[in-house]
Amino acid sequence: MKRYGLLGYPLTHSFSKRYFTEKFEKENIDSTYENFEIDNIDKFPEIIKNNPEIIGFNVTIPYKEQVIPFLDELNDSARKIGAVNTIQVKRDEFGIRLKGFNTDTFGFESSLKPLLKNHHKKALILGTGGASKALKYVLSKLDIDYISASIEELKENEIRYEDIDEKMMEERLLIINATPLGTFPKVDACANIPYKFITKKHLLFDLVYNPEVTQFMQNGLDKGATVKNGYEMLLGQAKKAYKIWNIKEQ
C-alpha cells in the first residue's frame, strides 16, 4: 500500500484528503492519504522518520516556502518560484531524498488560459504569499504584466491596497485573489479594493474554492465581470502531483 500526505496548518477543510480518498476508492487503488497538521515546520523530519511508507506530500499554507530548507532538491520551476506544494519522497539503499515541485503553476495556467481575452494584458494580484509566487511565474510565461497588493513590507512590483485607484482598476482587467480571505466559514470577507470600478471586461480569479462563489467573486458578478474560483486549479495541481509521485525519475 502506498501512502501520501498533506502538510499544513490548519487542515480543517482539506481538499486534498477528500479528493485523493475518493480517487483511490473509485479507481480501486490500494493507497491512503492522510493529513499531517503540524503547528511548526520543524516537526516535518519527524513525520518522515515515523512514516516510512509515505512516498509523497502535498504542501499548503503556511509551509510552501518554509519547507524548502528541509528538501534535498528542487525542480526548475520550484527553484525559480521559491515555493513548493508537492514533495516526492525517494527511498533506496542509500537513504531518503526529498524533491520539491510546484504543481500550482500547472493548475493555475490550465484553469486561467481558456478565460483570457486580448484585453487581459495586465493583472493585479491580491496577496504576496507562497501561492502568489506560482501565479507570477505563470503570468510572466503568458506575457501578462502584474503588480501585487501587499500588507507586508513592500518589495519590487508591490503596492499598498490603499493605492489601488480607479486608473489601476481600469488598466488591470485581470484581478486574482491569492489570499485566504473569503474562505469558509468567514465567507463575508474579501480584499478591500474599489469594486465599484469593476466592468464587464474584468476577469476575477479567486484561488479560494470554498464557498463556490466567494464574496470577491460576487462583487465581480454584480458588475457583469467573468469570475472563476480555485477548484479547477486544485484539481489540476492534484492530478499533476499524483503523476510526479508515481514516476521514479524526475
Protein backbone atom coordinates (compact mmCIF):
# COMPACT_ATOMS: atom_id res chain seq x y z
CA MET A 1 0.00 0.00 0.00
CA LYS A 2 1.25 3.47 -0.95
CA ARG A 3 0.77 6.35 1.46
CA TYR A 4 0.57 10.06 0.76
CA GLY A 5 0.03 13.07 2.99
CA LEU A 6 -0.68 16.76 3.30
CA LEU A 7 1.43 19.21 5.31
CA GLY A 8 -0.17 22.39 6.58
CA TYR A 9 -1.89 24.20 9.41
CA PRO A 10 -4.79 24.26 9.89
CA LEU A 11 -6.24 21.46 7.75
CA THR A 12 -9.86 21.54 8.89
CA HIS A 13 -11.26 21.71 5.38
CA SER A 14 -8.72 19.71 3.41
CA PHE A 15 -9.46 19.44 -0.29
CA SER A 16 -6.54 17.08 -0.88
CA LYS A 17 -7.56 14.37 1.58
CA ARG A 18 -11.12 14.28 0.25
CA TYR A 19 -10.01 14.30 -3.38
CA PHE A 20 -7.43 11.54 -3.10
CA THR A 21 -9.53 9.34 -0.79
CA GLU A 22 -12.40 9.46 -3.28
CA LYS A 23 -9.99 8.84 -6.17
CA PHE A 24 -8.47 5.77 -4.51
CA GLU A 25 -11.89 4.33 -3.67
CA LYS A 26 -13.37 4.99 -7.11
CA GLU A 27 -10.36 3.61 -9.01
CA ASN A 28 -9.76 0.75 -6.56
CA ILE A 29 -6.21 1.96 -5.83
CA ASP A 30 -4.53 0.43 -2.78
CA SER A 31 -3.37 3.73 -1.27
CA THR A 32 -4.16 6.07 1.60
CA TYR A 33 -3.95 9.83 2.08
CA GLU A 34 -3.54 11.47 5.47
CA ASN A 35 -3.46 14.97 6.90
CA PHE A 36 -0.36 15.97 8.86
CA GLU A 37 -1.46 19.09 10.66
CA ILE A 38 1.67 20.46 12.31
CA ASP A 39 1.97 23.81 14.05
CA ASN A 40 5.69 24.11 13.26
CA ILE A 41 7.58 23.04 10.13
CA ASP A 42 10.43 21.78 12.34
CA LYS A 43 8.23 18.74 13.01
CA PHE A 44 8.44 17.68 9.36
CA PRO A 45 11.59 15.47 9.72
CA GLU A 46 9.82 13.55 12.47
CA ILE A 47 6.94 12.78 10.10
CA ILE A 48 9.40 11.46 7.50
CA LYS A 49 11.13 9.32 10.12
CA ASN A 50 7.96 7.86 11.62
CA ASN A 51 6.12 7.16 8.35
CA PRO A 52 8.48 5.12 6.17
CA GLU A 53 5.75 4.11 3.68
CA ILE A 54 4.92 7.65 2.55
CA ILE A 55 6.12 8.42 -0.98
CA GLY A 56 4.65 11.88 -1.48
CA PHE A 57 3.31 15.00 0.17
CA ASN A 58 1.22 17.97 -0.79
CA VAL A 59 2.14 21.20 0.99
CA THR A 60 -0.27 24.01 1.79
CA ILE A 61 -0.44 27.19 3.89
CA PRO A 62 1.76 28.22 5.66
CA TYR A 63 4.61 25.88 4.65
CA LYS A 64 5.07 26.26 0.88
CA GLU A 65 8.19 28.34 1.46
CA GLN A 66 9.19 27.15 4.94
CA VAL A 67 9.56 23.52 3.83
CA ILE A 68 12.29 24.24 1.26
CA PRO A 69 15.30 24.07 3.65
CA PHE A 70 14.26 20.50 4.54
CA LEU A 71 14.42 19.31 0.92
CA ASP A 72 17.39 17.84 -0.91
CA GLU A 73 16.43 19.05 -4.36
CA LEU A 74 14.02 21.32 -6.27
CA ASN A 75 12.88 21.07 -9.85
CA ASP A 76 13.41 24.11 -12.10
CA SER A 77 10.02 25.76 -11.63
CA ALA A 78 10.00 25.33 -7.84
CA ARG A 79 13.51 26.79 -7.67
CA LYS A 80 12.54 29.83 -9.75
CA ILE A 81 9.29 30.37 -7.87
CA GLY A 82 10.68 29.83 -4.39
CA ALA A 83 7.66 27.84 -3.22
CA VAL A 84 6.82 24.13 -3.11
CA ASN A 85 3.42 22.43 -2.98
CA THR A 86 4.44 18.87 -3.90
CA ILE A 87 7.19 16.67 -2.48
CA GLN A 88 8.40 13.41 -3.96
CA VAL A 89 9.96 11.04 -1.40
CA LYS A 90 12.62 8.73 -2.82
CA ARG A 91 13.78 5.87 -0.62
CA ASP A 92 16.55 3.42 -1.53
CA GLU A 93 19.55 1.68 -0.02
CA PHE A 94 21.38 4.99 0.15
CA GLY A 95 18.72 6.69 2.26
CA ILE A 96 15.92 9.22 1.71
CA ARG A 97 15.87 12.08 -0.78
CA LEU A 98 13.14 14.71 -0.88
CA LYS A 99 12.48 16.62 -4.08
CA GLY A 100 10.20 19.65 -4.27
CA PHE A 101 7.92 20.65 -7.14
CA ASN A 102 5.33 23.35 -7.74
CA THR A 103 2.23 22.00 -9.46
CA ASP A 104 0.20 25.14 -8.68
CA THR A 105 1.66 26.54 -11.89
CA PHE A 106 0.11 23.76 -13.97
CA GLY A 107 -3.24 24.01 -12.21
CA PHE A 108 -3.42 27.79 -12.47
CA GLU A 109 -2.36 28.04 -16.11
CA SER A 110 -4.72 25.31 -17.31
CA SER A 111 -7.65 26.93 -15.46
CA LEU A 112 -6.89 30.52 -16.42
CA LYS A 113 -5.95 30.30 -20.12
CA PRO A 114 -9.41 29.43 -21.52
CA LEU A 115 -10.81 32.61 -19.92
CA LEU A 116 -8.22 35.08 -21.17
CA LYS A 117 -9.20 37.71 -23.74
CA ASN A 118 -6.97 40.02 -25.75
CA HIS A 119 -7.54 42.84 -23.28
CA HIS A 120 -6.24 40.86 -20.30
CA LYS A 121 -2.72 42.24 -20.64
CA LYS A 122 -2.24 43.46 -17.08
CA ALA A 123 -3.01 41.77 -13.77
CA LEU A 124 -3.46 42.79 -10.15
CA ILE A 125 -2.59 40.07 -7.63
CA LEU A 126 -4.08 40.40 -4.17
CA GLY A 127 -1.61 38.91 -1.71
CA THR A 128 2.11 38.13 -1.69
CA GLY A 129 2.32 34.70 -0.03
CA GLY A 130 3.62 31.41 -1.39
CA ALA A 131 0.61 30.89 -3.67
CA SER A 132 1.17 34.25 -5.37
CA LYS A 133 4.67 33.21 -6.44
CA ALA A 134 3.29 30.46 -8.68
CA LEU A 135 0.84 32.94 -10.21
CA LYS A 136 3.64 35.36 -11.05
CA TYR A 137 5.59 32.56 -12.73
CA VAL A 138 2.61 31.73 -14.97
CA LEU A 139 1.72 35.35 -15.72
CA SER A 140 5.31 36.03 -16.80
CA LYS A 141 5.16 32.97 -19.04
CA LEU A 142 1.94 34.31 -20.61
CA ASP A 143 3.48 37.78 -21.04
CA ILE A 144 0.94 39.38 -18.68
CA ASP A 145 2.26 42.34 -16.70
CA TYR A 146 1.46 42.10 -12.96
CA ILE A 147 1.64 44.03 -9.73
CA SER A 148 0.86 42.71 -6.23
CA ALA A 149 -1.04 44.30 -3.36
CA SER A 150 0.63 43.68 -0.02
CA ILE A 151 0.09 44.35 3.68
CA GLU A 152 3.74 43.49 4.38
CA GLU A 153 6.90 45.49 3.74
CA LEU A 154 6.85 46.40 0.07
CA LYS A 155 9.13 44.67 -2.42
CA GLU A 156 9.56 45.09 -6.17
CA ASN A 157 6.28 45.26 -8.11
CA GLU A 158 4.24 45.61 -4.92
CA ILE A 159 1.82 48.31 -3.74
CA ARG A 160 -0.41 49.03 -0.77
CA TYR A 161 -4.11 48.21 -1.01
CA GLU A 162 -4.94 51.86 -0.39
CA ASP A 163 -3.02 52.76 -3.56
CA ILE A 164 -5.40 50.79 -5.78
CA ASP A 165 -7.36 53.52 -7.53
CA GLU A 166 -9.72 53.93 -10.48
CA LYS A 167 -6.90 54.19 -13.01
CA MET A 168 -5.31 50.96 -11.83
CA MET A 169 -8.63 49.13 -11.90
CA GLU A 170 -9.25 50.36 -15.44
CA GLU A 171 -5.82 49.19 -16.61
CA ARG A 172 -5.62 45.85 -14.81
CA LEU A 173 -8.53 43.83 -16.10
CA LEU A 174 -7.33 40.56 -14.56
CA ILE A 175 -7.62 40.53 -10.76
CA ILE A 176 -6.52 37.48 -8.79
CA ASN A 177 -7.21 36.83 -5.12
CA ALA A 178 -4.23 34.92 -3.73
CA THR A 179 -5.24 35.46 -0.11
CA PRO A 180 -7.37 33.14 2.08
CA LEU A 181 -9.95 35.94 2.54
CA GLY A 182 -13.47 34.65 1.98
CA THR A 183 -12.72 31.04 2.83
CA PHE A 184 -15.40 29.17 4.80
CA PRO A 185 -16.53 29.89 7.49
CA LYS A 186 -15.64 33.60 7.11
CA VAL A 187 -17.47 33.84 3.80
CA ASP A 188 -18.29 37.55 4.04
CA ALA A 189 -14.64 38.61 3.94
CA CYS A 190 -12.88 39.90 0.83
CA ALA A 191 -9.93 42.07 -0.09
CA ASN A 192 -10.51 45.79 0.35
CA ILE A 193 -10.31 47.12 -3.20
CA PRO A 194 -12.60 49.59 -5.06
CA TYR A 195 -15.01 47.07 -6.62
CA LYS A 196 -17.15 49.94 -7.95
CA PHE A 197 -14.69 50.24 -10.83
CA ILE A 198 -15.15 46.63 -11.97
CA THR A 199 -16.54 46.28 -15.51
CA LYS A 200 -17.72 43.57 -17.88
CA LYS A 201 -14.19 43.39 -19.26
CA HIS A 202 -12.75 42.28 -15.93
CA LEU A 203 -11.82 38.70 -15.06
CA LEU A 204 -11.76 37.93 -11.33
CA PHE A 205 -9.95 34.71 -10.43
CA ASP A 206 -10.16 33.53 -6.81
CA LEU A 207 -7.85 30.82 -5.52
CA VAL A 208 -10.43 30.17 -2.79
CA TYR A 209 -12.86 27.36 -3.71
CA ASN A 210 -14.99 27.03 -0.57
CA PRO A 211 -17.55 28.61 -0.88
CA GLU A 212 -18.11 28.04 -4.58
CA VAL A 213 -18.90 31.73 -5.07
CA THR A 214 -16.85 33.92 -2.76
CA GLN A 215 -17.69 37.50 -1.82
CA PHE A 216 -14.81 38.60 -4.06
CA MET A 217 -16.39 36.76 -6.98
CA GLN A 218 -19.89 38.03 -6.15
CA ASN A 219 -18.62 41.59 -6.22
CA GLY A 220 -17.41 40.90 -9.74
CA LEU A 221 -20.64 39.21 -10.83
CA ASP A 222 -22.61 42.22 -9.61
CA LYS A 223 -20.68 44.31 -12.16
CA GLY A 224 -21.01 41.81 -15.00
CA ALA A 225 -17.42 40.53 -14.80
CA THR A 226 -16.27 36.99 -15.57
CA VAL A 227 -15.34 35.07 -12.41
CA LYS A 228 -13.63 31.78 -11.60
CA ASN A 229 -12.90 30.02 -8.32
CA GLY A 230 -9.88 27.88 -7.48
CA TYR A 231 -11.47 24.43 -7.64
CA GLU A 232 -10.35 23.58 -11.18
CA MET A 233 -6.86 24.83 -10.34
CA LEU A 234 -6.79 22.48 -7.35
CA LEU A 235 -7.89 19.55 -9.49
CA GLY A 236 -5.16 20.30 -12.00
CA GLN A 237 -2.36 20.60 -9.45
CA ALA A 238 -3.54 17.43 -7.65
CA LYS A 239 -3.52 15.35 -10.83
CA LYS A 240 -0.05 16.64 -11.68
CA ALA A 241 1.20 15.84 -8.17
CA TYR A 242 -0.04 12.25 -8.40
CA LYS A 243 1.89 11.75 -11.64
CA ILE A 244 5.05 13.11 -10.02
CA TRP A 245 4.75 10.77 -7.03
CA ASN A 246 4.44 7.73 -9.25
CA ILE A 247 7.24 8.40 -11.72
CA LYS A 248 10.56 7.08 -10.45
CA GLU A 249 12.76 9.59 -12.24
CA GLN A 250 12.00 13.30 -12.32
